[in-house]
Amino acid sequence: MKKKEQTPQSVTFYQHHRGVIRDNALQALLHDPLFRQRVERKKKGKGSYQRKAKHVGRYFEKPDNKIFL
């Protein structure tokens, strides 16, 4: 009985945006958008409170500005 050939696990390659890399591949990848700085949302402390989705856009107008006739 013939053994089944094991297929190598699929390897995903990253398509960089740096064009042709000539000298330093590591430095080119570090300046790629893959490793850019990202702003993390606060989870605790000041500025971390998030209202429920049904209240979005509700509290922007002050009640003093409403004129009732």
C-alpha atoms as a PDB file:
ATOM      1  CA  MET A   1       0.000   0.000   0.000  1.00  0.00           C
ATOM      2  CA  LYS A   2       1.353   3.385  -1.016  1.00  0.00           C
ATOM      3  CA  LYS A   3       1.809   6.058   1.645  1.00  0.00           C
ATOM      4  CA  LYS A   4      -0.065   9.281   1.194  1.00  0.00           C
ATOM      5  CA  GLU A   5       2.141  12.252   0.473  1.00  0.00           C
ATOM      6  CA  GLN A   6       1.937  14.916   3.118  1.00  0.00           C
ATOM      7  CA  THR A   7       1.318  18.336   1.696  1.00  0.00           C
ATOM      8  CA  PRO A   8       3.257  21.132   3.353  1.00  0.00           C
ATOM      9  CA  GLN A   9       1.150  23.552   5.378  1.00  0.00           C
ATOM     10  CA  SER A  10       0.160  26.599   3.452  1.00  0.00           C
ATOM     11  CA  VAL A  11       2.448  29.541   4.070  1.00  0.00           C
ATOM     12  CA  THR A  12       1.003  32.999   3.602  1.00  0.00           C
ATOM     13  CA  PHE A  13       3.300  35.587   2.089  1.00  0.00           C
ATOM     14  CA  TYR A  14       2.956  39.279   2.875  1.00  0.00           C
ATOM     15  CA  GLN A  15       2.776  41.501  -0.188  1.00  0.00           C
ATOM     16  CA  HIS A  16       4.808  44.541   0.860  1.00  0.00           C
ATOM     17  CA  HIS A  17       4.280  48.026  -0.515  1.00  0.00           C
ATOM     18  CA  ARG A  18       7.921  49.037  -0.781  1.00  0.00           C
ATOM     19  CA  GLY A  19       8.580  48.230  -4.429  1.00  0.00           C
ATOM     20  CA  VAL A  20      11.909  46.521  -5.110  1.00  0.00           C
ATOM     21  CA  ILE A  21      13.932  45.953  -1.929  1.00  0.00           C
ATOM     22  CA  ARG A  22      17.647  46.284  -2.661  1.00  0.00           C
ATOM     23  CA  ASP A  23      19.718  46.589   0.497  1.00  0.00           C
ATOM     24  CA  ASN A  24      17.994  45.932   3.788  1.00  0.00           C
ATOM     25  CA  ALA A  25      14.824  43.837   3.722  1.00  0.00           C
ATOM     26  CA  LEU A  26      14.179  44.129   7.468  1.00  0.00           C
ATOM     27  CA  GLN A  27      14.404  47.901   7.450  1.00  0.00           C
ATOM     28  CA  ALA A  28      12.116  48.082   4.421  1.00  0.00           C
ATOM     29  CA  LEU A  29       9.493  45.945   6.169  1.00  0.00           C
ATOM     30  CA  LEU A  30       9.680  48.041   9.347  1.00  0.00           C
ATOM     31  CA  HIS A  31       8.752  51.137   7.347  1.00  0.00           C
ATOM     32  CA  ASP A  32       5.886  49.307   5.636  1.00  0.00           C
ATOM     33  CA  PRO A  33       2.236  50.054   6.610  1.00  0.00           C
ATOM     34  CA  LEU A  34       2.101  46.638   8.300  1.00  0.00           C
ATOM     35  CA  PHE A  35       4.161  47.946  11.224  1.00  0.00           C
ATOM     36  CA  ARG A  36       2.717  51.472  11.422  1.00  0.00           C
ATOM     37  CA  GLN A  37       1.723  52.987  14.775  1.00  0.00           C
ATOM     38  CA  ARG A  38      -1.899  52.546  15.729  1.00  0.00           C
ATOM     39  CA  VAL A  39      -3.980  54.386  18.319  1.00  0.00           C
ATOM     40  CA  GLU A  40      -5.478  52.056  20.885  1.00  0.00           C
ATOM     41  CA  ARG A  41      -8.851  52.882  22.398  1.00  0.00           C
ATOM     42  CA  LYS A  42      -8.873  53.332  26.162  1.00  0.00           C
ATOM     43  CA  LYS A  43     -10.541  50.500  28.031  1.00  0.00           C
ATOM     44  CA  LYS A  44     -10.267  51.885  31.573  1.00  0.00           C
ATOM     45  CA  GLY A  45      -9.956  55.327  33.111  1.00  0.00           C
ATOM     46  CA  LYS A  46     -10.808  58.790  31.824  1.00  0.00           C
ATOM     47  CA  GLY A  47     -12.189  58.956  28.318  1.00  0.00           C
ATOM     48  CA  SER A  48     -13.048  55.267  28.151  1.00  0.00           C
ATOM     49  CA  TYR A  49     -16.816  55.547  28.634  1.00  0.00           C
ATOM     50  CA  GLN A  50     -18.806  54.538  25.560  1.00  0.00           C
ATOM     51  CA  ARG A  51     -22.543  55.120  25.337  1.00  0.00           C
ATOM     52  CA  LYS A  52     -24.828  52.497  23.911  1.00  0.00           C
ATOM     53  CA  ALA A  53     -25.427  52.726  20.166  1.00  0.00           C
ATOM     54  CA  LYS A  54     -29.021  53.948  20.566  1.00  0.00           C
ATOM     55  CA  HIS A  55     -27.789  57.191  22.207  1.00  0.00           C
ATOM     56  CA  VAL A  56     -25.267  58.181  19.537  1.00  0.00           C
ATOM     57  CA  GLY A  57     -25.719  61.789  18.412  1.00  0.00           C
ATOM     58  CA  ARG A  58     -28.293  62.579  21.075  1.00  0.00           C
ATOM     59  CA  TYR A  59     -26.387  64.790  23.513  1.00  0.00           C
ATOM     60  CA  PHE A  60     -24.640  67.253  21.195  1.00  0.00           C
ATOM     61  CA  GLU A  61     -27.200  70.055  21.437  1.00  0.00           C
ATOM     62  CA  LYS A  62     -27.709  71.945  24.702  1.00  0.00           C
ATOM     63  CA  PRO A  63     -31.313  72.061  25.940  1.00  0.00           C
ATOM     64  CA  ASP A  64     -30.899  75.855  26.595  1.00  0.00           C
ATOM     65  CA  ASN A  65     -30.726  76.532  22.861  1.00  0.00           C
ATOM     66  CA  LYS A  66     -34.173  75.087  22.184  1.00  0.00           C
ATOM     67  CA  ILE A  67     -36.842  77.779  21.929  1.00  0.00           C
ATOM     68  CA  PHE A  68     -40.431  76.795  22.608  1.00  0.00           C
ATOM     69  CA  LEU A  69     -43.153  79.112  21.304  1.00  0.00           C
END
